[in-house]
Amino acid sequence: MTDITITAPATGIEGGPLTFPGTPAVTDRRGAFAGELARAQADLALARAQVAERERTIQQLRTEQITDGADPRLVDFWDKAGRIADHADFCQEYDRLAEAMNGTPRNRDWEVEAEVTVTVRVTYSTSATSVDDADENARDGIDFDDVLAAYRDGGQESFDVSIISTERV
């Protein structure tokens, strides 16, 4: 029998574990994921508690007794009652009831008489020998049409309002 011996070049496999280039190392991240899961569960529990509290508040607002006529939940009620009172000629009854229960009063028609003083700056051109003569010419020469024209041309104006009387119609 003949011994056959083959000599092969060294490959490096026999020197340790085989590693491939570019392969990331495997790490255990279960602890980090467990923390994230616990945080998400805590957030969910908080949200559920907030929803339950809001549902209790809504139920309370729906069922608690209204003792004040100015309660915001009665806005539509007072609006409809006022319109019904207007059409059915129950105005005095509505007004008495709304006042007694702190409800919303009806809008009523009013007639207001006011005295309005309008100040408009008007420029007037004149020929005169003195300041006093120019002032007098302007006083005599400015008429209502000049005031209206100055107002329409965007002159500076101001209003003073004095109320004379107010009466319900």
N, C-alpha and C. Protein backbone atom coordinates (compact mmCIF):
# COMPACT_ATOMS: atom_id res chain seq x y z
N MET A 1 0.83 -1.15 0.00
CA MET A 1 0.00 0.00 0.00
C MET A 1 0.88 1.22 0.00
N THR A 2 0.37 2.20 -0.67
CA THR A 2 1.18 3.40 -0.85
C THR A 2 0.50 4.54 -0.12
N ASP A 3 1.28 5.31 0.69
CA ASP A 3 0.74 6.50 1.37
C ASP A 3 0.74 7.67 0.40
N ILE A 4 -0.44 8.31 0.31
CA ILE A 4 -0.51 9.52 -0.53
C ILE A 4 -0.74 10.69 0.44
N THR A 5 0.13 11.61 0.42
CA THR A 5 0.04 12.79 1.27
C THR A 5 -0.09 14.00 0.38
N ILE A 6 -1.11 14.79 0.62
CA ILE A 6 -1.32 16.01 -0.16
C ILE A 6 -1.14 17.18 0.80
N THR A 7 -0.35 18.08 0.40
CA THR A 7 -0.12 19.26 1.21
C THR A 7 -0.92 20.41 0.60
N ALA A 8 -1.85 20.99 1.40
CA ALA A 8 -2.68 22.12 0.92
C ALA A 8 -2.22 23.39 1.62
N PRO A 9 -2.33 24.48 0.92
CA PRO A 9 -1.94 25.75 1.58
C PRO A 9 -2.88 26.06 2.75
N ALA A 10 -2.42 26.80 3.75
CA ALA A 10 -3.21 27.16 4.95
C ALA A 10 -4.30 28.15 4.56
N THR A 11 -5.55 27.94 5.06
CA THR A 11 -6.69 28.81 4.71
C THR A 11 -7.08 29.71 5.87
N GLY A 12 -6.68 29.45 7.02
CA GLY A 12 -7.01 30.27 8.18
C GLY A 12 -8.22 29.76 8.90
N ILE A 13 -8.87 28.74 8.38
CA ILE A 13 -10.06 28.21 9.02
C ILE A 13 -9.67 27.49 10.30
N GLU A 14 -8.59 26.85 10.26
CA GLU A 14 -8.21 26.08 11.42
C GLU A 14 -7.79 26.97 12.57
N GLY A 15 -7.67 28.32 12.38
CA GLY A 15 -7.18 29.23 13.41
C GLY A 15 -8.26 29.75 14.34
N GLY A 16 -9.56 29.50 14.15
CA GLY A 16 -10.60 30.01 15.04
C GLY A 16 -11.95 30.09 14.33
N PRO A 17 -12.92 30.86 14.94
CA PRO A 17 -14.26 30.91 14.34
C PRO A 17 -14.25 31.68 13.03
N LEU A 18 -15.12 31.32 12.19
CA LEU A 18 -15.22 31.93 10.87
C LEU A 18 -16.08 33.20 10.99
N THR A 19 -15.58 34.33 10.54
CA THR A 19 -16.34 35.59 10.54
C THR A 19 -16.35 36.15 9.14
N PHE A 20 -17.51 36.73 8.80
CA PHE A 20 -17.65 37.35 7.49
C PHE A 20 -17.57 38.86 7.65
N PRO A 21 -16.89 39.54 6.74
CA PRO A 21 -16.78 41.00 6.86
C PRO A 21 -18.13 41.66 6.63
N GLY A 22 -18.44 42.76 7.39
CA GLY A 22 -19.66 43.52 7.24
C GLY A 22 -20.83 42.96 8.00
N THR A 23 -20.66 41.92 8.74
CA THR A 23 -21.76 41.35 9.50
C THR A 23 -21.78 42.02 10.87
N PRO A 24 -22.91 42.66 11.23
CA PRO A 24 -22.94 43.33 12.53
C PRO A 24 -22.99 42.30 13.67
N ALA A 25 -22.53 42.75 14.78
CA ALA A 25 -22.57 41.90 15.95
C ALA A 25 -24.00 41.81 16.46
N VAL A 26 -24.41 40.68 16.91
CA VAL A 26 -25.76 40.47 17.43
C VAL A 26 -25.74 40.84 18.91
N THR A 27 -26.67 41.78 19.27
CA THR A 27 -26.76 42.18 20.67
C THR A 27 -28.15 41.89 21.18
N ASP A 28 -28.27 41.73 22.46
CA ASP A 28 -29.55 41.43 23.09
C ASP A 28 -30.19 42.75 23.51
N ARG A 29 -31.29 43.18 22.82
CA ARG A 29 -31.95 44.46 23.12
C ARG A 29 -33.31 44.24 23.75
N ARG A 30 -33.57 43.09 24.27
CA ARG A 30 -34.86 42.80 24.87
C ARG A 30 -35.15 43.73 26.06
N GLY A 31 -34.13 44.11 26.80
CA GLY A 31 -34.32 45.01 27.94
C GLY A 31 -34.82 46.38 27.51
N ALA A 32 -34.26 46.93 26.42
CA ALA A 32 -34.69 48.24 25.91
C ALA A 32 -36.13 48.18 25.40
N PHE A 33 -36.46 47.09 24.69
CA PHE A 33 -37.82 46.96 24.19
C PHE A 33 -38.82 46.78 25.32
N ALA A 34 -38.43 46.11 26.36
CA ALA A 34 -39.31 45.93 27.50
C ALA A 34 -39.59 47.27 28.17
N GLY A 35 -38.59 48.16 28.24
CA GLY A 35 -38.78 49.49 28.81
C GLY A 35 -39.72 50.33 27.96
N GLU A 36 -39.57 50.23 26.62
CA GLU A 36 -40.46 50.97 25.72
C GLU A 36 -41.89 50.46 25.85
N LEU A 37 -42.03 49.16 25.94
CA LEU A 37 -43.34 48.57 26.08
C LEU A 37 -44.00 49.01 27.39
N ALA A 38 -43.24 49.06 28.47
CA ALA A 38 -43.78 49.49 29.76
C ALA A 38 -44.20 50.96 29.71
N ARG A 39 -43.41 51.81 29.03
CA ARG A 39 -43.76 53.23 28.90
C ARG A 39 -45.04 53.39 28.09
N ALA A 40 -45.16 52.65 26.99
CA ALA A 40 -46.36 52.72 26.16
C ALA A 40 -47.58 52.25 26.93
N GLN A 41 -47.43 51.21 27.74
CA GLN A 41 -48.55 50.72 28.54
C GLN A 41 -48.96 51.74 29.59
N ALA A 42 -47.98 52.43 30.19
CA ALA A 42 -48.28 53.47 31.18
C ALA A 42 -49.01 54.64 30.52
N ASP A 43 -48.56 55.03 29.32
CA ASP A 43 -49.24 56.11 28.59
C ASP A 43 -50.67 55.72 28.24
N LEU A 44 -50.88 54.47 27.84
CA LEU A 44 -52.21 54.00 27.52
C LEU A 44 -53.12 54.01 28.75
N ALA A 45 -52.59 53.58 29.88
CA ALA A 45 -53.38 53.57 31.13
C ALA A 45 -53.76 55.00 31.52
N LEU A 46 -52.83 55.95 31.38
CA LEU A 46 -53.12 57.36 31.69
C LEU A 46 -54.21 57.89 30.76
N ALA A 47 -54.11 57.60 29.47
CA ALA A 47 -55.11 58.07 28.51
C ALA A 47 -56.48 57.49 28.83
N ARG A 48 -56.52 56.21 29.20
CA ARG A 48 -57.80 55.59 29.56
C ARG A 48 -58.40 56.24 30.80
N ALA A 49 -57.56 56.58 31.77
CA ALA A 49 -58.04 57.24 32.98
C ALA A 49 -58.60 58.62 32.64
N GLN A 50 -57.94 59.36 31.75
CA GLN A 50 -58.43 60.69 31.35
C GLN A 50 -59.76 60.56 30.61
N VAL A 51 -59.90 59.58 29.75
CA VAL A 51 -61.16 59.37 29.03
C VAL A 51 -62.28 59.06 30.02
N ALA A 52 -62.00 58.20 30.99
CA ALA A 52 -63.02 57.84 31.98
C ALA A 52 -63.43 59.07 32.80
N GLU A 53 -62.48 59.90 33.18
CA GLU A 53 -62.80 61.12 33.94
C GLU A 53 -63.65 62.07 33.12
N ARG A 54 -63.32 62.23 31.85
CA ARG A 54 -64.10 63.12 30.98
C ARG A 54 -65.51 62.57 30.76
N GLU A 55 -65.63 61.26 30.64
CA GLU A 55 -66.96 60.67 30.49
C GLU A 55 -67.80 60.89 31.75
N ARG A 56 -67.18 60.81 32.94
CA ARG A 56 -67.91 61.09 34.18
C ARG A 56 -68.36 62.55 34.22
N THR A 57 -67.48 63.48 33.78
CA THR A 57 -67.83 64.90 33.75
C THR A 57 -68.99 65.15 32.78
N ILE A 58 -68.93 64.54 31.61
CA ILE A 58 -70.01 64.70 30.62
C ILE A 58 -71.31 64.17 31.18
N GLN A 59 -71.27 63.02 31.80
CA GLN A 59 -72.50 62.44 32.37
C GLN A 59 -73.06 63.34 33.46
N GLN A 60 -72.17 63.91 34.29
CA GLN A 60 -72.62 64.81 35.35
C GLN A 60 -73.27 66.05 34.75
N LEU A 61 -72.65 66.62 33.72
CA LEU A 61 -73.20 67.82 33.09
C LEU A 61 -74.54 67.53 32.42
N ARG A 62 -74.71 66.33 31.92
CA ARG A 62 -75.98 65.98 31.28
C ARG A 62 -77.11 65.77 32.28
N THR A 63 -76.77 65.33 33.48
CA THR A 63 -77.83 64.91 34.40
C THR A 63 -78.01 65.81 35.62
N GLU A 64 -77.02 66.68 35.93
CA GLU A 64 -77.19 67.49 37.14
C GLU A 64 -78.29 68.53 36.93
N GLN A 65 -78.92 68.89 38.01
CA GLN A 65 -80.03 69.83 37.96
C GLN A 65 -79.51 71.24 37.68
N ILE A 66 -80.19 71.93 36.78
CA ILE A 66 -79.83 73.32 36.46
C ILE A 66 -80.60 74.22 37.42
N THR A 67 -79.87 75.02 38.16
CA THR A 67 -80.51 75.90 39.15
C THR A 67 -80.38 77.38 38.79
N ASP A 68 -79.59 77.69 37.76
CA ASP A 68 -79.40 79.08 37.38
C ASP A 68 -79.82 79.26 35.93
N GLY A 69 -80.70 80.22 35.69
CA GLY A 69 -81.19 80.47 34.34
C GLY A 69 -80.11 80.93 33.38
N ALA A 70 -78.96 81.40 33.90
CA ALA A 70 -77.88 81.88 33.05
C ALA A 70 -76.92 80.75 32.68
N ASP A 71 -77.26 79.51 33.02
CA ASP A 71 -76.42 78.36 32.69
C ASP A 71 -76.22 78.29 31.18
N PRO A 72 -75.00 78.11 30.70
CA PRO A 72 -74.75 78.11 29.25
C PRO A 72 -75.50 77.01 28.50
N ARG A 73 -75.91 75.97 29.21
CA ARG A 73 -76.66 74.90 28.55
C ARG A 73 -78.06 75.34 28.17
N LEU A 74 -78.52 76.49 28.65
CA LEU A 74 -79.87 76.97 28.36
C LEU A 74 -79.92 78.02 27.26
N VAL A 75 -78.83 78.28 26.59
CA VAL A 75 -78.80 79.32 25.56
C VAL A 75 -79.86 79.06 24.49
N ASP A 76 -79.91 77.83 23.97
CA ASP A 76 -80.90 77.51 22.93
C ASP A 76 -82.33 77.61 23.47
N PHE A 77 -82.52 77.17 24.72
CA PHE A 77 -83.85 77.25 25.33
C PHE A 77 -84.34 78.68 25.38
N TRP A 78 -83.52 79.60 25.90
CA TRP A 78 -83.95 81.00 26.02
C TRP A 78 -84.17 81.62 24.64
N ASP A 79 -83.35 81.25 23.67
CA ASP A 79 -83.51 81.78 22.32
C ASP A 79 -84.86 81.36 21.73
N LYS A 80 -85.18 80.08 21.83
CA LYS A 80 -86.47 79.59 21.30
C LYS A 80 -87.64 80.18 22.08
N ALA A 81 -87.50 80.24 23.40
CA ALA A 81 -88.60 80.78 24.21
C ALA A 81 -88.84 82.25 23.86
N GLY A 82 -87.80 83.01 23.59
CA GLY A 82 -87.96 84.41 23.20
C GLY A 82 -88.67 84.55 21.87
N ARG A 83 -88.33 83.69 20.90
CA ARG A 83 -89.00 83.74 19.60
C ARG A 83 -90.47 83.35 19.73
N ILE A 84 -90.74 82.33 20.53
CA ILE A 84 -92.13 81.91 20.74
C ILE A 84 -92.91 83.04 21.40
N ALA A 85 -92.31 83.68 22.39
CA ALA A 85 -92.99 84.79 23.09
C ALA A 85 -93.29 85.93 22.12
N ASP A 86 -92.36 86.22 21.21
CA ASP A 86 -92.59 87.28 20.22
C ASP A 86 -93.76 86.94 19.32
N HIS A 87 -93.82 85.72 18.82
CA HIS A 87 -94.86 85.34 17.88
C HIS A 87 -96.21 85.11 18.54
N ALA A 88 -96.22 84.65 19.77
CA ALA A 88 -97.48 84.33 20.45
C ALA A 88 -97.96 85.47 21.34
N ASP A 89 -97.26 86.60 21.30
CA ASP A 89 -97.62 87.77 22.11
C ASP A 89 -97.57 87.46 23.61
N PHE A 90 -96.54 86.73 24.03
CA PHE A 90 -96.30 86.45 25.44
C PHE A 90 -95.09 87.24 25.94
N CYS A 91 -94.86 88.39 25.38
CA CYS A 91 -93.64 89.15 25.66
C CYS A 91 -93.51 89.50 27.14
N GLN A 92 -94.58 90.00 27.75
CA GLN A 92 -94.50 90.39 29.16
C GLN A 92 -94.23 89.18 30.05
N GLU A 93 -94.88 88.06 29.75
CA GLU A 93 -94.67 86.85 30.55
C GLU A 93 -93.23 86.37 30.42
N TYR A 94 -92.72 86.38 29.19
CA TYR A 94 -91.33 85.94 28.98
C TYR A 94 -90.37 86.85 29.73
N ASP A 95 -90.56 88.16 29.60
CA ASP A 95 -89.66 89.11 30.26
C ASP A 95 -89.68 88.91 31.78
N ARG A 96 -90.87 88.71 32.34
CA ARG A 96 -90.99 88.51 33.79
C ARG A 96 -90.29 87.22 34.21
N LEU A 97 -90.50 86.15 33.45
CA LEU A 97 -89.88 84.86 33.75
C LEU A 97 -88.36 84.92 33.60
N ALA A 98 -87.88 85.51 32.52
CA ALA A 98 -86.44 85.60 32.29
C ALA A 98 -85.76 86.42 33.38
N GLU A 99 -86.40 87.49 33.81
CA GLU A 99 -85.81 88.32 34.87
C GLU A 99 -85.80 87.57 36.20
N ALA A 100 -86.87 86.86 36.51
CA ALA A 100 -86.96 86.15 37.78
C ALA A 100 -85.98 84.98 37.84
N MET A 101 -85.68 84.36 36.68
CA MET A 101 -84.83 83.17 36.68
C MET A 101 -83.41 83.45 36.19
N ASN A 102 -83.04 84.72 36.05
CA ASN A 102 -81.71 85.10 35.58
C ASN A 102 -81.47 84.58 34.17
N GLY A 103 -82.53 84.62 33.35
CA GLY A 103 -82.44 84.14 31.98
C GLY A 103 -81.94 85.23 31.04
N THR A 104 -81.91 84.88 29.78
CA THR A 104 -81.45 85.81 28.74
C THR A 104 -82.60 86.72 28.34
N PRO A 105 -82.47 88.03 28.51
CA PRO A 105 -83.56 88.92 28.11
C PRO A 105 -83.68 88.98 26.58
N ARG A 106 -84.89 89.28 26.12
CA ARG A 106 -85.12 89.42 24.68
C ARG A 106 -84.55 90.74 24.18
N ASN A 107 -84.17 90.74 22.91
CA ASN A 107 -83.82 92.00 22.28
C ASN A 107 -85.12 92.73 21.96
N ARG A 108 -85.13 94.01 22.22
CA ARG A 108 -86.32 94.83 21.95
C ARG A 108 -85.93 95.96 21.03
N ASP A 109 -86.92 96.53 20.38
CA ASP A 109 -86.68 97.68 19.51
C ASP A 109 -86.71 98.95 20.35
N TRP A 110 -85.77 99.82 20.10
CA TRP A 110 -85.65 101.08 20.82
C TRP A 110 -85.52 102.21 19.81
N GLU A 111 -85.98 103.37 20.20
CA GLU A 111 -85.81 104.56 19.39
C GLU A 111 -84.99 105.55 20.21
N VAL A 112 -83.82 105.90 19.70
CA VAL A 112 -82.90 106.77 20.42
C VAL A 112 -82.77 108.07 19.64
N GLU A 113 -83.04 109.17 20.34
CA GLU A 113 -82.85 110.49 19.74
C GLU A 113 -81.52 111.04 20.24
N ALA A 114 -80.68 111.45 19.32
CA ALA A 114 -79.35 111.93 19.69
C ALA A 114 -79.05 113.22 18.96
N GLU A 115 -78.25 114.03 19.59
CA GLU A 115 -77.76 115.25 18.96
C GLU A 115 -76.31 114.98 18.60
N VAL A 116 -75.99 115.06 17.30
CA VAL A 116 -74.66 114.73 16.82
C VAL A 116 -74.01 116.02 16.31
N THR A 117 -72.85 116.29 16.84
CA THR A 117 -72.07 117.42 16.38
C THR A 117 -70.89 116.88 15.59
N VAL A 118 -70.80 117.28 14.30
CA VAL A 118 -69.73 116.79 13.44
C VAL A 118 -68.75 117.92 13.21
N THR A 119 -67.50 117.64 13.38
CA THR A 119 -66.47 118.63 13.13
C THR A 119 -65.70 118.20 11.89
N VAL A 120 -65.70 119.09 10.86
CA VAL A 120 -65.00 118.81 9.61
C VAL A 120 -64.07 119.97 9.33
N ARG A 121 -62.84 119.64 8.92
CA ARG A 121 -61.88 120.69 8.58
C ARG A 121 -62.10 121.07 7.12
N VAL A 122 -62.45 122.37 6.87
CA VAL A 122 -62.73 122.87 5.53
C VAL A 122 -61.70 123.95 5.21
N THR A 123 -61.11 123.85 4.01
CA THR A 123 -60.18 124.89 3.56
C THR A 123 -60.95 125.83 2.63
N TYR A 124 -60.86 127.14 2.92
CA TYR A 124 -61.60 128.14 2.15
C TYR A 124 -60.59 129.18 1.65
N SER A 125 -60.63 129.47 0.35
CA SER A 125 -59.71 130.46 -0.23
C SER A 125 -60.45 131.79 -0.41
N THR A 126 -59.80 132.86 0.00
CA THR A 126 -60.42 134.19 -0.12
C THR A 126 -59.33 135.24 -0.27
N SER A 127 -59.73 136.43 -0.74
CA SER A 127 -58.81 137.57 -0.83
C SER A 127 -59.23 138.57 0.24
N ALA A 128 -58.25 139.07 1.00
CA ALA A 128 -58.56 140.02 2.07
C ALA A 128 -57.31 140.84 2.37
N THR A 129 -57.51 141.97 3.05
CA THR A 129 -56.38 142.83 3.40
C THR A 129 -55.81 142.52 4.76
N SER A 130 -56.54 141.75 5.59
CA SER A 130 -56.04 141.42 6.93
C SER A 130 -56.54 140.02 7.33
N VAL A 131 -55.97 139.52 8.40
CA VAL A 131 -56.36 138.22 8.94
C VAL A 131 -57.82 138.26 9.37
N ASP A 132 -58.22 139.33 10.04
CA ASP A 132 -59.61 139.43 10.50
C ASP A 132 -60.58 139.44 9.33
N ASP A 133 -60.23 140.15 8.25
CA ASP A 133 -61.10 140.18 7.08
C ASP A 133 -61.18 138.79 6.42
N ALA A 134 -60.05 138.07 6.35
CA ALA A 134 -60.05 136.73 5.77
C ALA A 134 -60.92 135.78 6.60
N ASP A 135 -60.82 135.88 7.95
CA ASP A 135 -61.66 135.05 8.83
C ASP A 135 -63.14 135.35 8.62
N GLU A 136 -63.47 136.62 8.52
CA GLU A 136 -64.87 137.00 8.34
C GLU A 136 -65.40 136.54 6.97
N ASN A 137 -64.57 136.67 5.93
CA ASN A 137 -64.98 136.19 4.60
C ASN A 137 -65.26 134.68 4.63
N ALA A 138 -64.41 133.93 5.36
CA ALA A 138 -64.60 132.47 5.45
C ALA A 138 -65.88 132.15 6.21
N ARG A 139 -66.14 132.85 7.32
CA ARG A 139 -67.38 132.60 8.09
C ARG A 139 -68.61 132.87 7.23
N ASP A 140 -68.57 133.91 6.46
CA ASP A 140 -69.70 134.27 5.61
C ASP A 140 -69.79 133.39 4.36
N GLY A 141 -68.65 132.91 3.88
CA GLY A 141 -68.62 132.21 2.59
C GLY A 141 -68.82 130.70 2.67
N ILE A 142 -68.45 130.10 3.78
CA ILE A 142 -68.58 128.64 3.86
C ILE A 142 -70.04 128.29 4.06
N ASP A 143 -70.53 127.43 3.17
CA ASP A 143 -71.92 127.00 3.30
C ASP A 143 -71.97 125.47 3.45
N PHE A 144 -73.17 124.94 3.52
CA PHE A 144 -73.37 123.51 3.77
C PHE A 144 -72.73 122.66 2.67
N ASP A 145 -72.80 123.12 1.43
CA ASP A 145 -72.21 122.37 0.31
C ASP A 145 -70.70 122.26 0.46
N ASP A 146 -70.04 123.33 0.94
CA ASP A 146 -68.60 123.28 1.17
C ASP A 146 -68.25 122.25 2.25
N VAL A 147 -69.07 122.19 3.30
CA VAL A 147 -68.85 121.23 4.39
C VAL A 147 -69.02 119.80 3.87
N LEU A 148 -70.10 119.57 3.09
CA LEU A 148 -70.32 118.24 2.53
C LEU A 148 -69.19 117.84 1.59
N ALA A 149 -68.72 118.75 0.77
CA ALA A 149 -67.64 118.45 -0.16
C ALA A 149 -66.36 118.11 0.61
N ALA A 150 -66.06 118.85 1.67
CA ALA A 150 -64.87 118.57 2.46
C ALA A 150 -65.00 117.21 3.15
N TYR A 151 -66.19 116.89 3.61
CA TYR A 151 -66.41 115.60 4.25
C TYR A 151 -66.22 114.45 3.25
N ARG A 152 -66.77 114.62 2.05
CA ARG A 152 -66.67 113.57 1.04
C ARG A 152 -65.25 113.42 0.52
N ASP A 153 -64.49 114.49 0.52
CA ASP A 153 -63.10 114.43 0.05
C ASP A 153 -62.16 113.81 1.08
N GLY A 154 -62.71 113.34 2.18
CA GLY A 154 -61.88 112.66 3.18
C GLY A 154 -61.18 113.60 4.12
N GLY A 155 -61.76 114.75 4.35
CA GLY A 155 -61.17 115.67 5.32
C GLY A 155 -61.21 115.08 6.72
N GLN A 156 -60.46 115.66 7.62
CA GLN A 156 -60.45 115.18 9.00
C GLN A 156 -61.75 115.56 9.66
N GLU A 157 -62.36 114.58 10.32
CA GLU A 157 -63.63 114.85 10.99
C GLU A 157 -63.66 114.12 12.31
N SER A 158 -64.52 114.60 13.19
CA SER A 158 -64.75 113.93 14.46
C SER A 158 -66.23 114.10 14.80
N PHE A 159 -66.72 113.24 15.68
CA PHE A 159 -68.14 113.26 16.04
C PHE A 159 -68.28 113.40 17.54
N ASP A 160 -69.21 114.18 17.97
CA ASP A 160 -69.61 114.27 19.37
C ASP A 160 -71.08 113.89 19.41
N VAL A 161 -71.43 112.92 20.26
CA VAL A 161 -72.80 112.44 20.33
C VAL A 161 -73.34 112.70 21.73
N SER A 162 -74.48 113.36 21.80
CA SER A 162 -75.18 113.58 23.07
C SER A 162 -76.56 112.94 22.94
N ILE A 163 -76.88 112.03 23.84
CA ILE A 163 -78.17 111.34 23.80
C ILE A 163 -79.21 112.25 24.42
N ILE A 164 -80.29 112.49 23.70
CA ILE A 164 -81.37 113.34 24.17
C ILE A 164 -82.40 112.50 24.92
N SER A 165 -82.87 111.39 24.29
CA SER A 165 -83.86 110.55 24.95
C SER A 165 -83.81 109.16 24.33
N THR A 166 -84.30 108.18 25.10
CA THR A 166 -84.38 106.79 24.63
C THR A 166 -85.72 106.25 25.06
N GLU A 167 -86.47 105.68 24.10
CA GLU A 167 -87.79 105.13 24.39
C GLU A 167 -87.92 103.77 23.73
N ARG A 168 -88.56 102.86 24.44
CA ARG A 168 -88.83 101.55 23.85
C ARG A 168 -90.03 101.68 22.92
N VAL A 169 -89.89 101.06 21.73
CA VAL A 169 -90.94 101.16 20.72
C VAL A 169 -91.99 100.11 20.99
